[in-house]
């Protein structure tokens, strides 16, 4: 089921999966409250453009990033995956219970803040962990 929501509306999910359509280049602020095994997937725009180089014999690969201005995630026994080629200006996460967040080096986060409980898993580049309590 696809649901289109107005911007800045808190999205509350219990035991369901949310996938963000990141086919647009920039998305506004988003607020997620995830409970009871809910999942959030934010995959980057996988659109690539092939361009011929000056010599007309080679192809150049350009990867475009999806930009989020502000994401706030409050998760309690939930799962979050941020896909590659995403740029987040401000990410605030509060992981409680047995929650998990996953993202790789291919994700760009300007500002990260929040809290992770002892039972939660932070599966992301180590340099970001110092910003969480």
N, C-alpha and C. Protein backbone atom coordinates (compact mmCIF):
# COMPACT_ATOMS: atom_id res chain seq x y z
N UNK A 1 0.84 -1.15 0.00
CA UNK A 1 0.00 0.00 0.00
C UNK A 1 0.90 1.23 0.00
N UNK A 2 0.70 2.15 -0.89
CA UNK A 2 1.44 3.41 -0.92
C UNK A 2 0.58 4.50 -0.29
N UNK A 3 1.20 5.25 0.62
CA UNK A 3 0.51 6.36 1.28
C UNK A 3 1.36 7.60 1.13
N UNK A 4 0.77 8.67 0.66
CA UNK A 4 1.47 9.94 0.57
C UNK A 4 1.04 10.80 1.75
N UNK A 5 2.03 11.26 2.51
CA UNK A 5 1.74 12.05 3.71
C UNK A 5 2.24 13.47 3.54
N UNK A 6 1.55 14.42 4.15
CA UNK A 6 2.04 15.80 4.12
C UNK A 6 3.35 15.89 4.89
N UNK A 7 4.12 16.90 4.56
CA UNK A 7 5.40 17.10 5.26
C UNK A 7 5.18 17.44 6.72
N UNK A 8 6.16 17.07 7.52
CA UNK A 8 6.24 17.40 8.95
C UNK A 8 5.18 16.73 9.80
N UNK A 9 4.47 15.73 9.27
CA UNK A 9 3.52 14.97 10.06
C UNK A 9 4.29 13.83 10.72
N UNK A 10 4.18 13.66 12.03
CA UNK A 10 4.87 12.53 12.66
C UNK A 10 4.28 11.21 12.15
N UNK A 11 5.14 10.29 11.80
CA UNK A 11 4.71 8.99 11.30
C UNK A 11 4.93 7.99 12.42
N UNK A 12 3.85 7.36 12.88
CA UNK A 12 3.91 6.39 13.97
C UNK A 12 3.63 5.02 13.38
N UNK A 13 4.57 4.09 13.58
CA UNK A 13 4.44 2.75 13.02
C UNK A 13 4.64 1.71 14.10
N UNK A 14 3.73 0.76 14.16
CA UNK A 14 3.82 -0.37 15.10
C UNK A 14 3.79 -1.66 14.29
N UNK A 15 4.92 -2.38 14.30
CA UNK A 15 4.99 -3.67 13.64
C UNK A 15 4.76 -3.64 12.14
N UNK A 16 5.17 -2.58 11.48
CA UNK A 16 5.00 -2.46 10.04
C UNK A 16 6.29 -1.97 9.40
N UNK A 17 6.36 -2.00 8.09
CA UNK A 17 7.54 -1.57 7.36
C UNK A 17 7.23 -0.29 6.61
N UNK A 18 8.14 0.69 6.73
CA UNK A 18 8.02 1.95 6.01
C UNK A 18 9.20 2.04 5.06
N UNK A 19 8.93 2.34 3.81
CA UNK A 19 9.98 2.56 2.82
C UNK A 19 9.79 3.96 2.27
N UNK A 20 10.84 4.77 2.37
CA UNK A 20 10.76 6.15 1.88
C UNK A 20 11.09 6.15 0.39
N UNK A 21 10.21 6.74 -0.39
CA UNK A 21 10.45 6.90 -1.82
C UNK A 21 11.41 8.08 -1.98
N UNK A 22 12.64 7.75 -2.27
CA UNK A 22 13.66 8.80 -2.38
C UNK A 22 13.98 9.11 -3.84
N UNK A 23 12.99 8.97 -4.70
CA UNK A 23 13.24 9.24 -6.12
C UNK A 23 13.35 10.73 -6.40
N UNK A 24 12.92 11.57 -5.46
CA UNK A 24 13.12 13.00 -5.62
C UNK A 24 14.51 13.36 -5.12
N UNK A 25 15.01 14.48 -5.52
CA UNK A 25 16.38 14.87 -5.17
C UNK A 25 16.47 15.34 -3.73
N UNK A 26 15.45 16.06 -3.24
CA UNK A 26 15.50 16.59 -1.87
C UNK A 26 14.15 16.37 -1.19
N UNK A 27 14.22 15.98 0.08
CA UNK A 27 13.02 15.75 0.87
C UNK A 27 13.06 16.63 2.11
N UNK A 28 11.90 17.03 2.59
CA UNK A 28 11.81 17.89 3.76
C UNK A 28 12.00 17.14 5.06
N UNK A 29 11.71 17.80 6.17
CA UNK A 29 11.87 17.22 7.50
C UNK A 29 10.90 16.06 7.69
N UNK A 30 11.39 15.02 8.38
CA UNK A 30 10.57 13.85 8.66
C UNK A 30 10.76 13.42 10.11
N UNK A 31 9.66 12.94 10.71
CA UNK A 31 9.67 12.51 12.10
C UNK A 31 9.03 11.12 12.16
N UNK A 32 9.81 10.12 12.65
CA UNK A 32 9.33 8.75 12.72
C UNK A 32 9.34 8.27 14.16
N UNK A 33 8.26 7.59 14.55
CA UNK A 33 8.17 6.92 15.84
C UNK A 33 7.85 5.47 15.54
N UNK A 34 8.83 4.58 15.81
CA UNK A 34 8.74 3.18 15.42
C UNK A 34 8.68 2.30 16.67
N UNK A 35 7.72 1.35 16.67
CA UNK A 35 7.53 0.48 17.82
C UNK A 35 7.28 -0.96 17.36
N UNK A 36 7.52 -1.92 18.25
CA UNK A 36 7.11 -3.32 18.07
C UNK A 36 7.54 -3.91 16.73
N UNK A 37 8.83 -3.96 16.49
CA UNK A 37 9.41 -4.57 15.29
C UNK A 37 9.08 -3.82 13.99
N UNK A 38 8.79 -2.55 14.08
CA UNK A 38 8.60 -1.73 12.88
C UNK A 38 9.96 -1.56 12.19
N UNK A 39 9.93 -1.35 10.87
CA UNK A 39 11.15 -1.16 10.09
C UNK A 39 11.04 0.10 9.25
N UNK A 40 12.16 0.80 9.13
CA UNK A 40 12.23 1.99 8.29
C UNK A 40 13.38 1.80 7.32
N UNK A 41 13.10 1.93 6.02
CA UNK A 41 14.11 1.82 4.97
C UNK A 41 14.14 3.12 4.19
N UNK A 42 15.30 3.74 4.16
CA UNK A 42 15.50 4.95 3.35
C UNK A 42 16.64 4.64 2.39
N UNK A 43 16.28 4.28 1.18
CA UNK A 43 17.28 3.92 0.18
C UNK A 43 17.57 5.12 -0.70
N UNK A 44 18.83 5.29 -1.03
CA UNK A 44 19.23 6.40 -1.87
C UNK A 44 18.75 6.24 -3.30
N UNK A 45 18.71 7.34 -3.99
CA UNK A 45 18.32 7.35 -5.38
C UNK A 45 19.35 6.56 -6.18
N UNK A 46 18.93 5.48 -6.78
CA UNK A 46 19.86 4.62 -7.49
C UNK A 46 19.99 5.00 -8.96
N UNK A 47 19.43 6.14 -9.32
CA UNK A 47 19.51 6.58 -10.71
C UNK A 47 20.94 7.00 -11.03
N UNK A 48 21.47 6.48 -12.10
CA UNK A 48 22.79 6.86 -12.57
C UNK A 48 22.66 7.36 -13.99
N UNK A 49 23.55 8.22 -14.35
CA UNK A 49 23.51 8.79 -15.70
C UNK A 49 24.81 8.45 -16.41
N UNK A 50 24.69 7.91 -17.60
CA UNK A 50 25.86 7.58 -18.40
C UNK A 50 26.09 8.72 -19.38
N UNK A 51 27.29 9.26 -19.37
CA UNK A 51 27.64 10.36 -20.27
C UNK A 51 28.89 10.00 -21.03
N UNK A 52 28.92 10.36 -22.28
CA UNK A 52 30.12 10.11 -23.07
C UNK A 52 31.19 11.14 -22.71
N UNK A 53 32.40 10.67 -22.59
CA UNK A 53 33.52 11.57 -22.29
C UNK A 53 33.90 12.35 -23.56
N UNK A 54 34.83 13.29 -23.42
CA UNK A 54 35.24 14.13 -24.55
C UNK A 54 35.73 13.33 -25.74
N UNK A 55 36.38 12.20 -25.47
CA UNK A 55 36.92 11.42 -26.59
C UNK A 55 35.87 10.50 -27.23
N UNK A 56 34.65 10.52 -26.71
CA UNK A 56 33.54 9.74 -27.23
C UNK A 56 33.73 8.24 -27.12
N UNK A 57 34.81 7.77 -26.51
CA UNK A 57 35.04 6.33 -26.44
C UNK A 57 34.75 5.75 -25.05
N UNK A 58 34.69 6.59 -24.03
CA UNK A 58 34.49 6.10 -22.67
C UNK A 58 33.17 6.62 -22.12
N UNK A 59 32.65 5.94 -21.12
CA UNK A 59 31.44 6.37 -20.44
C UNK A 59 31.79 6.77 -19.01
N UNK A 60 31.18 7.83 -18.56
CA UNK A 60 31.41 8.32 -17.20
C UNK A 60 30.16 8.01 -16.38
N UNK A 61 30.36 7.52 -15.16
CA UNK A 61 29.25 7.16 -14.29
C UNK A 61 29.09 8.24 -13.23
N UNK A 62 27.91 8.83 -13.15
CA UNK A 62 27.62 9.85 -12.14
C UNK A 62 26.56 9.30 -11.20
N UNK A 63 26.85 9.30 -9.89
CA UNK A 63 25.89 8.84 -8.91
C UNK A 63 25.32 10.08 -8.22
N UNK A 64 24.02 10.16 -8.15
CA UNK A 64 23.37 11.31 -7.54
C UNK A 64 22.86 10.94 -6.16
N UNK A 65 22.99 11.87 -5.21
CA UNK A 65 22.57 11.63 -3.85
C UNK A 65 21.19 12.23 -3.60
N UNK A 66 20.43 11.57 -2.73
CA UNK A 66 19.17 12.10 -2.24
C UNK A 66 19.47 12.87 -0.98
N UNK A 67 18.90 14.06 -0.83
CA UNK A 67 19.19 14.93 0.32
C UNK A 67 17.97 15.03 1.22
N UNK A 68 18.18 14.75 2.50
CA UNK A 68 17.15 14.94 3.53
C UNK A 68 17.60 16.11 4.40
N UNK A 69 16.71 17.05 4.66
CA UNK A 69 17.10 18.19 5.49
C UNK A 69 17.17 17.81 6.96
N UNK A 70 16.19 17.04 7.44
CA UNK A 70 16.11 16.74 8.87
C UNK A 70 15.31 15.45 9.06
N UNK A 71 15.90 14.49 9.77
CA UNK A 71 15.19 13.25 10.09
C UNK A 71 15.31 13.02 11.59
N UNK A 72 14.17 12.78 12.22
CA UNK A 72 14.12 12.44 13.64
C UNK A 72 13.50 11.05 13.76
N UNK A 73 14.23 10.14 14.43
CA UNK A 73 13.76 8.76 14.57
C UNK A 73 13.77 8.37 16.04
N UNK A 74 12.61 7.99 16.53
CA UNK A 74 12.48 7.46 17.88
C UNK A 74 12.05 6.01 17.71
N UNK A 75 12.95 5.07 18.01
CA UNK A 75 12.69 3.66 17.77
C UNK A 75 12.72 2.88 19.08
N UNK A 76 11.72 2.01 19.25
CA UNK A 76 11.66 1.13 20.41
C UNK A 76 11.42 -0.28 19.88
N UNK A 77 12.45 -1.12 19.95
CA UNK A 77 12.40 -2.48 19.37
C UNK A 77 12.07 -2.40 17.88
N UNK A 78 12.86 -1.63 17.15
CA UNK A 78 12.62 -1.40 15.73
C UNK A 78 13.94 -1.47 14.95
N UNK A 79 13.83 -1.45 13.63
CA UNK A 79 14.97 -1.57 12.74
C UNK A 79 14.98 -0.40 11.76
N UNK A 80 16.17 0.21 11.56
CA UNK A 80 16.31 1.33 10.63
C UNK A 80 17.49 1.04 9.70
N UNK A 81 17.28 1.18 8.39
CA UNK A 81 18.37 1.06 7.43
C UNK A 81 18.37 2.30 6.54
N UNK A 82 19.52 2.96 6.50
CA UNK A 82 19.71 4.11 5.61
C UNK A 82 20.63 3.65 4.50
N UNK A 83 20.12 3.67 3.28
CA UNK A 83 20.86 3.16 2.14
C UNK A 83 21.94 4.12 1.67
N UNK A 84 22.77 3.62 0.78
CA UNK A 84 23.86 4.41 0.23
C UNK A 84 23.31 5.57 -0.61
N UNK A 85 24.17 6.55 -0.82
CA UNK A 85 23.86 7.73 -1.65
C UNK A 85 22.77 8.59 -1.03
N UNK A 86 22.76 8.67 0.29
CA UNK A 86 21.84 9.55 1.02
C UNK A 86 22.68 10.60 1.73
N UNK A 87 22.23 11.83 1.69
CA UNK A 87 22.87 12.91 2.42
C UNK A 87 21.84 13.45 3.40
N UNK A 88 22.13 13.36 4.70
CA UNK A 88 21.23 13.84 5.74
C UNK A 88 21.89 15.03 6.42
N UNK A 89 21.22 16.15 6.38
CA UNK A 89 21.77 17.36 7.02
C UNK A 89 21.76 17.24 8.54
N UNK A 90 20.65 16.75 9.12
CA UNK A 90 20.53 16.63 10.57
C UNK A 90 19.77 15.34 10.88
N UNK A 91 20.44 14.40 11.57
CA UNK A 91 19.82 13.14 11.96
C UNK A 91 19.81 13.04 13.47
N UNK A 92 18.61 12.86 14.03
CA UNK A 92 18.47 12.65 15.46
C UNK A 92 17.86 11.28 15.67
N UNK A 93 18.56 10.42 16.42
CA UNK A 93 18.06 9.07 16.68
C UNK A 93 17.99 8.79 18.16
N UNK A 94 16.92 8.17 18.58
CA UNK A 94 16.77 7.65 19.93
C UNK A 94 16.38 6.19 19.78
N UNK A 95 17.34 5.30 20.07
CA UNK A 95 17.11 3.87 19.94
C UNK A 95 16.95 3.27 21.33
N UNK A 96 15.79 2.70 21.57
CA UNK A 96 15.48 2.09 22.86
C UNK A 96 15.12 0.63 22.66
N UNK A 97 15.19 -0.15 23.74
CA UNK A 97 14.92 -1.57 23.62
C UNK A 97 15.97 -2.22 22.74
N UNK A 98 15.58 -3.21 21.97
CA UNK A 98 16.50 -3.90 21.07
C UNK A 98 16.29 -3.36 19.65
N UNK A 99 16.71 -2.15 19.43
CA UNK A 99 16.61 -1.52 18.12
C UNK A 99 17.94 -1.60 17.40
N UNK A 100 17.90 -1.45 16.08
CA UNK A 100 19.10 -1.51 15.25
C UNK A 100 19.06 -0.40 14.22
N UNK A 101 20.21 0.22 13.98
CA UNK A 101 20.35 1.16 12.87
C UNK A 101 21.55 0.73 12.03
N UNK A 102 21.37 0.73 10.71
CA UNK A 102 22.42 0.33 9.77
C UNK A 102 22.61 1.42 8.72
N UNK A 103 23.86 1.79 8.51
CA UNK A 103 24.23 2.60 7.35
C UNK A 103 25.72 2.47 7.12
N UNK A 104 26.16 2.78 5.90
CA UNK A 104 27.56 2.55 5.52
C UNK A 104 28.31 3.86 5.32
N UNK A 105 29.56 3.73 4.90
CA UNK A 105 30.40 4.89 4.59
C UNK A 105 29.85 5.72 3.44
N UNK A 106 29.00 5.13 2.61
CA UNK A 106 28.45 5.84 1.45
C UNK A 106 27.32 6.79 1.82
N UNK A 107 26.99 6.86 3.11
CA UNK A 107 25.98 7.80 3.62
C UNK A 107 26.71 9.02 4.16
N UNK A 108 26.18 10.19 3.88
CA UNK A 108 26.77 11.42 4.38
C UNK A 108 25.82 12.06 5.39
N UNK A 109 26.30 12.25 6.62
CA UNK A 109 25.49 12.86 7.67
C UNK A 109 26.25 14.07 8.20
N UNK A 110 25.64 15.25 8.10
CA UNK A 110 26.31 16.46 8.56
C UNK A 110 26.29 16.57 10.08
N UNK A 111 25.13 16.35 10.71
CA UNK A 111 24.99 16.44 12.16
C UNK A 111 24.21 15.23 12.66
N UNK A 112 24.76 14.54 13.67
CA UNK A 112 24.11 13.38 14.27
C UNK A 112 24.05 13.58 15.77
N UNK A 113 22.88 13.31 16.35
CA UNK A 113 22.73 13.39 17.80
C UNK A 113 21.71 12.36 18.25
N UNK A 114 21.71 12.09 19.55
CA UNK A 114 20.71 11.18 20.08
C UNK A 114 21.25 10.22 21.12
N UNK A 115 20.51 9.12 21.29
CA UNK A 115 20.76 8.16 22.36
C UNK A 115 20.59 6.74 21.81
N UNK A 116 21.43 5.82 22.30
CA UNK A 116 21.29 4.40 21.97
C UNK A 116 21.32 3.61 23.28
N UNK A 117 20.30 2.79 23.49
CA UNK A 117 20.26 1.97 24.70
C UNK A 117 21.33 0.88 24.61
N UNK A 118 21.64 0.28 25.74
CA UNK A 118 22.66 -0.77 25.79
C UNK A 118 22.27 -2.00 24.98
N UNK A 119 20.99 -2.25 24.83
CA UNK A 119 20.52 -3.43 24.09
C UNK A 119 20.41 -3.18 22.59
N UNK A 120 20.57 -1.93 22.16
CA UNK A 120 20.45 -1.59 20.74
C UNK A 120 21.77 -1.81 20.02
N UNK A 121 21.69 -1.89 18.67
CA UNK A 121 22.86 -2.13 17.85
C UNK A 121 23.06 -0.95 16.91
N UNK A 122 24.30 -0.42 16.91
CA UNK A 122 24.68 0.68 16.03
C UNK A 122 25.64 0.11 14.99
N UNK A 123 25.12 -0.25 13.83
CA UNK A 123 25.91 -0.87 12.78
C UNK A 123 26.19 0.20 11.72
N UNK A 124 27.19 1.02 11.99
CA UNK A 124 27.50 2.17 11.15
C UNK A 124 28.97 2.53 11.37
N UNK A 125 29.51 3.43 10.55
CA UNK A 125 30.91 3.83 10.74
C UNK A 125 31.15 4.34 12.17
N UNK A 126 32.24 3.91 12.74
CA UNK A 126 32.56 4.21 14.14
C UNK A 126 32.59 5.70 14.44
N UNK A 127 33.05 6.51 13.48
CA UNK A 127 33.21 7.94 13.75
C UNK A 127 31.90 8.62 14.16
N UNK A 128 30.76 8.02 13.78
CA UNK A 128 29.48 8.61 14.14
C UNK A 128 29.05 8.24 15.58
N UNK A 129 29.58 7.16 16.14
CA UNK A 129 29.13 6.70 17.45
C UNK A 129 29.47 7.68 18.56
N UNK A 130 30.48 8.50 18.38
CA UNK A 130 30.87 9.42 19.45
C UNK A 130 29.85 10.53 19.67
N UNK A 131 28.90 10.70 18.75
CA UNK A 131 27.88 11.74 18.89
C UNK A 131 26.65 11.25 19.62
N UNK A 132 26.62 9.96 19.97
CA UNK A 132 25.45 9.37 20.63
C UNK A 132 25.77 9.03 22.07
N UNK A 133 24.78 9.18 22.93
CA UNK A 133 24.97 8.91 24.36
C UNK A 133 24.55 7.50 24.68
